[in-house]
N, C-alpha and C. Protein backbone atom coordinates (compact mmCIF):
# COMPACT_ATOMS: atom_id res chain seq x y z
N MET A 1 -16.61 -3.27 -5.49
CA MET A 1 -15.50 -4.23 -5.15
C MET A 1 -14.67 -4.36 -6.54
N ARG A 2 -13.39 -4.51 -6.33
CA ARG A 2 -12.55 -4.42 -7.64
C ARG A 2 -11.87 -5.75 -7.69
N ASP A 3 -11.37 -6.15 -8.81
CA ASP A 3 -10.39 -7.33 -9.08
C ASP A 3 -9.05 -6.77 -8.43
N LEU A 4 -8.09 -7.92 -8.15
CA LEU A 4 -6.93 -7.67 -7.83
C LEU A 4 -5.97 -7.41 -9.04
N THR A 5 -5.97 -6.22 -9.64
CA THR A 5 -4.90 -5.88 -10.91
C THR A 5 -4.07 -4.78 -10.43
N LYS A 6 -2.84 -4.60 -11.16
CA LYS A 6 -1.97 -3.53 -10.94
C LYS A 6 -2.69 -2.12 -11.03
N GLU A 7 -3.77 -2.05 -12.08
CA GLU A 7 -4.39 -0.74 -12.16
C GLU A 7 -5.30 -0.45 -10.87
N ASN A 8 -6.00 -1.49 -10.34
CA ASN A 8 -6.95 -1.25 -9.37
C ASN A 8 -6.12 -1.01 -8.12
N VAL A 9 -4.93 -1.59 -7.78
CA VAL A 9 -4.12 -1.36 -6.83
C VAL A 9 -3.63 0.23 -6.81
N GLU A 10 -3.26 0.49 -8.05
CA GLU A 10 -2.82 1.72 -8.11
C GLU A 10 -3.83 2.78 -8.01
N LEU A 11 -5.05 2.43 -8.30
CA LEU A 11 -6.24 3.47 -8.01
C LEU A 11 -6.30 3.92 -6.44
N VAL A 12 -6.46 2.46 -5.75
CA VAL A 12 -6.46 2.56 -4.25
C VAL A 12 -5.22 3.41 -3.60
N LEU A 13 -4.16 3.05 -3.99
CA LEU A 13 -3.04 3.83 -3.60
C LEU A 13 -2.95 5.37 -3.72
N ALA A 14 -3.74 5.52 -4.84
CA ALA A 14 -3.75 7.15 -5.12
C ALA A 14 -4.63 7.73 -4.30
N GLY A 15 -5.55 7.06 -3.74
CA GLY A 15 -6.50 7.62 -2.62
C GLY A 15 -5.84 7.95 -1.31
N VAL A 16 -4.61 6.91 -1.06
CA VAL A 16 -4.15 7.10 0.30
C VAL A 16 -2.96 7.93 0.14
N ARG A 17 -2.45 8.19 -1.05
CA ARG A 17 -1.25 8.84 -1.23
C ARG A 17 -1.05 10.41 -0.74
N PRO A 18 -2.23 11.27 -0.91
CA PRO A 18 -2.27 12.49 -0.20
C PRO A 18 -1.93 12.41 1.22
N PHE A 19 -2.37 11.58 1.88
CA PHE A 19 -2.40 11.43 3.43
C PHE A 19 -0.84 11.36 3.82
N LEU A 20 -0.23 10.40 2.99
CA LEU A 20 1.09 10.13 3.30
C LEU A 20 2.16 11.39 2.93
N GLN A 21 1.78 11.92 1.71
CA GLN A 21 2.45 13.08 1.13
C GLN A 21 2.37 14.35 2.33
N MET A 22 1.32 14.47 2.82
CA MET A 22 1.21 15.37 3.94
C MET A 22 2.25 15.39 5.01
N ASP A 23 2.93 14.43 5.22
CA ASP A 23 3.80 14.05 6.33
C ASP A 23 5.21 13.85 5.56
N GLY A 24 5.27 14.11 4.28
CA GLY A 24 6.67 14.02 3.53
C GLY A 24 6.94 12.52 3.00
N GLY A 25 5.66 11.69 3.06
CA GLY A 25 6.13 10.34 2.53
C GLY A 25 5.44 9.94 1.31
N ASP A 26 5.46 8.84 0.93
CA ASP A 26 4.81 8.38 -0.22
C ASP A 26 4.77 6.94 -0.34
N VAL A 27 3.98 6.25 -1.15
CA VAL A 27 4.14 4.73 -1.34
C VAL A 27 4.22 4.49 -2.93
N GLU A 28 4.98 3.39 -3.28
CA GLU A 28 5.07 3.05 -4.63
C GLU A 28 4.62 1.48 -4.90
N PHE A 29 3.84 1.35 -5.71
CA PHE A 29 3.45 -0.19 -5.97
C PHE A 29 4.48 -0.91 -6.66
N LYS A 30 4.82 -2.08 -6.07
CA LYS A 30 5.94 -2.88 -6.62
C LYS A 30 5.50 -4.13 -7.19
N GLY A 31 4.45 -4.78 -6.90
CA GLY A 31 4.02 -6.05 -7.58
C GLY A 31 2.88 -6.73 -6.66
N ILE A 32 2.46 -7.82 -7.41
CA ILE A 32 1.48 -8.62 -6.97
C ILE A 32 2.04 -10.12 -6.85
N LEU A 33 1.99 -10.79 -5.51
CA LEU A 33 2.55 -12.10 -5.55
C LEU A 33 1.17 -12.95 -5.36
N ASP A 34 1.71 -14.28 -5.52
CA ASP A 34 0.74 -15.42 -5.36
C ASP A 34 0.05 -15.41 -3.93
N GLY A 35 -1.06 -15.51 -3.79
CA GLY A 35 -1.89 -15.69 -2.53
C GLY A 35 -2.48 -14.27 -2.21
N GLY A 36 -2.59 -13.38 -3.02
CA GLY A 36 -3.13 -12.01 -2.91
C GLY A 36 -2.39 -10.98 -1.94
N ILE A 37 -0.98 -11.38 -2.25
CA ILE A 37 0.05 -10.47 -1.41
C ILE A 37 0.47 -9.27 -2.40
N VAL A 38 0.20 -7.96 -1.80
CA VAL A 38 0.52 -6.90 -2.83
C VAL A 38 1.94 -6.30 -2.12
N THR A 39 2.98 -6.02 -2.87
CA THR A 39 4.06 -5.45 -2.34
C THR A 39 4.32 -4.05 -2.72
N VAL A 40 4.79 -3.24 -1.80
CA VAL A 40 4.87 -1.94 -1.91
C VAL A 40 6.21 -1.35 -1.44
N LYS A 41 6.60 -0.13 -2.03
CA LYS A 41 7.87 0.36 -1.37
C LYS A 41 7.52 1.66 -0.55
N LEU A 42 7.89 1.98 0.71
CA LEU A 42 7.46 3.17 1.35
C LEU A 42 8.74 4.06 0.95
N LEU A 43 8.13 5.41 0.61
CA LEU A 43 9.23 6.35 0.20
C LEU A 43 9.30 7.50 1.02
N GLY A 44 10.24 8.37 1.10
CA GLY A 44 10.24 9.72 1.82
C GLY A 44 10.33 9.52 3.23
N ASN A 45 9.64 10.24 3.86
CA ASN A 45 9.73 10.10 5.52
C ASN A 45 9.12 8.75 5.89
N CYS A 46 8.15 8.01 4.89
CA CYS A 46 7.62 6.72 5.68
C CYS A 46 8.72 5.70 5.61
N ASN A 47 9.82 5.93 4.72
CA ASN A 47 10.89 4.85 4.76
C ASN A 47 11.63 5.12 6.09
N GLY A 48 11.80 4.06 6.87
CA GLY A 48 12.45 4.11 8.19
C GLY A 48 11.55 4.90 9.43
N CYS A 49 10.39 5.26 9.04
CA CYS A 49 9.65 5.95 10.19
C CYS A 49 9.38 4.80 11.24
N PRO A 50 9.27 5.13 12.56
CA PRO A 50 9.04 3.98 13.60
C PRO A 50 7.34 3.63 13.36
N LEU A 51 6.57 4.48 12.77
CA LEU A 51 5.22 4.24 12.71
C LEU A 51 4.98 3.59 11.32
N SER A 52 5.87 3.35 10.46
CA SER A 52 5.44 2.82 9.12
C SER A 52 4.88 1.55 9.28
N MET A 53 5.02 0.58 9.86
CA MET A 53 4.21 -0.59 9.99
C MET A 53 2.94 -0.25 10.24
N MET A 54 2.64 0.59 11.28
CA MET A 54 1.33 0.90 11.49
C MET A 54 0.60 1.67 10.25
N THR A 55 1.30 2.51 9.73
CA THR A 55 0.75 3.09 8.32
C THR A 55 0.58 1.94 7.35
N LEU A 56 1.43 1.17 7.24
CA LEU A 56 1.24 0.07 6.27
C LEU A 56 0.03 -0.83 6.49
N ARG A 57 -0.11 -1.17 7.88
CA ARG A 57 -1.30 -2.20 8.07
C ARG A 57 -2.77 -1.41 8.37
N ALA A 58 -2.67 -0.22 9.04
CA ALA A 58 -3.79 0.35 9.50
C ALA A 58 -4.34 1.21 8.27
N GLY A 59 -3.35 1.69 7.57
CA GLY A 59 -3.84 2.68 6.60
C GLY A 59 -3.89 2.03 5.15
N ILE A 60 -2.68 1.72 4.66
CA ILE A 60 -2.67 1.15 3.26
C ILE A 60 -3.30 -0.18 3.08
N GLU A 61 -3.02 -1.27 3.90
CA GLU A 61 -3.57 -2.47 3.79
C GLU A 61 -5.07 -2.50 3.92
N ARG A 62 -5.58 -1.73 5.08
CA ARG A 62 -6.98 -1.63 5.28
C ARG A 62 -7.71 -1.09 3.95
N ALA A 63 -7.14 -0.11 3.35
CA ALA A 63 -7.76 0.62 2.15
C ALA A 63 -7.81 -0.55 1.03
N LEU A 64 -6.77 -1.07 0.90
CA LEU A 64 -6.67 -2.28 -0.32
C LEU A 64 -7.65 -3.32 0.02
N MET A 65 -7.61 -3.61 1.31
CA MET A 65 -8.66 -4.83 1.47
C MET A 65 -10.03 -4.43 1.51
N ASN A 66 -10.32 -3.23 1.70
CA ASN A 66 -11.84 -2.69 1.74
C ASN A 66 -12.22 -2.56 0.13
N GLU A 67 -11.27 -2.26 -0.73
CA GLU A 67 -11.74 -2.03 -2.06
C GLU A 67 -11.55 -3.37 -2.96
N ILE A 68 -10.43 -4.12 -2.50
CA ILE A 68 -10.19 -5.41 -3.38
C ILE A 68 -10.15 -6.44 -2.40
N PRO A 69 -11.33 -7.19 -2.32
CA PRO A 69 -11.38 -8.32 -1.15
C PRO A 69 -10.27 -9.51 -1.17
N SER A 70 -9.66 -9.53 -2.73
CA SER A 70 -8.78 -10.63 -2.97
C SER A 70 -7.33 -10.26 -2.25
N VAL A 71 -7.18 -9.03 -1.98
CA VAL A 71 -6.02 -8.81 -1.13
C VAL A 71 -5.84 -9.47 0.26
N LYS A 72 -4.93 -10.27 0.44
CA LYS A 72 -4.77 -10.87 1.88
C LYS A 72 -3.79 -10.21 2.62
N ARG A 73 -2.71 -9.72 2.10
CA ARG A 73 -1.89 -8.95 2.99
C ARG A 73 -1.01 -7.94 2.09
N ILE A 74 -0.21 -7.09 2.93
CA ILE A 74 0.40 -6.10 2.07
C ILE A 74 1.83 -6.22 2.69
N GLU A 75 3.00 -6.19 1.95
CA GLU A 75 4.19 -6.17 2.61
C GLU A 75 5.19 -5.15 1.71
N ALA A 76 5.87 -4.44 2.76
CA ALA A 76 6.73 -3.51 2.14
C ALA A 76 8.37 -4.09 1.73
N VAL A 77 8.68 -3.64 0.66
CA VAL A 77 9.95 -4.21 0.10
C VAL A 77 10.84 -2.89 -0.02
N THR A 78 12.27 -3.24 -0.16
CA THR A 78 13.10 -2.31 -0.02
C THR A 78 13.59 -1.95 -1.64
N GLU A 79 13.36 -2.75 -2.31
CA GLU A 79 13.66 -2.49 -3.70
C GLU A 79 12.58 -2.26 -4.72
C-alpha cells in the first residue's frame, strides 16, 4: 500500500500506460484534489473515445485504488 503522492500516482500510471499505448492512447497525471480525488488527462486515442469512461473507471481508477487506498475517485480533465 502506498501513500497518495504525485510520485506514487505516477508509478501506478506507469503500470497502466503500456496498455493504453497499445491502442494509441495515453494518460497524463494532472493533480491531486482534496478528498482523495486524482485528476488525469486522457491523451491520443483515449481522448474522445466512446470507451474512455470505462477505461478511466475500470482500468486506471481501479489500479490507483488498489495500490493507493486513500484514492477515492479519478476525474478526467481537459487541460
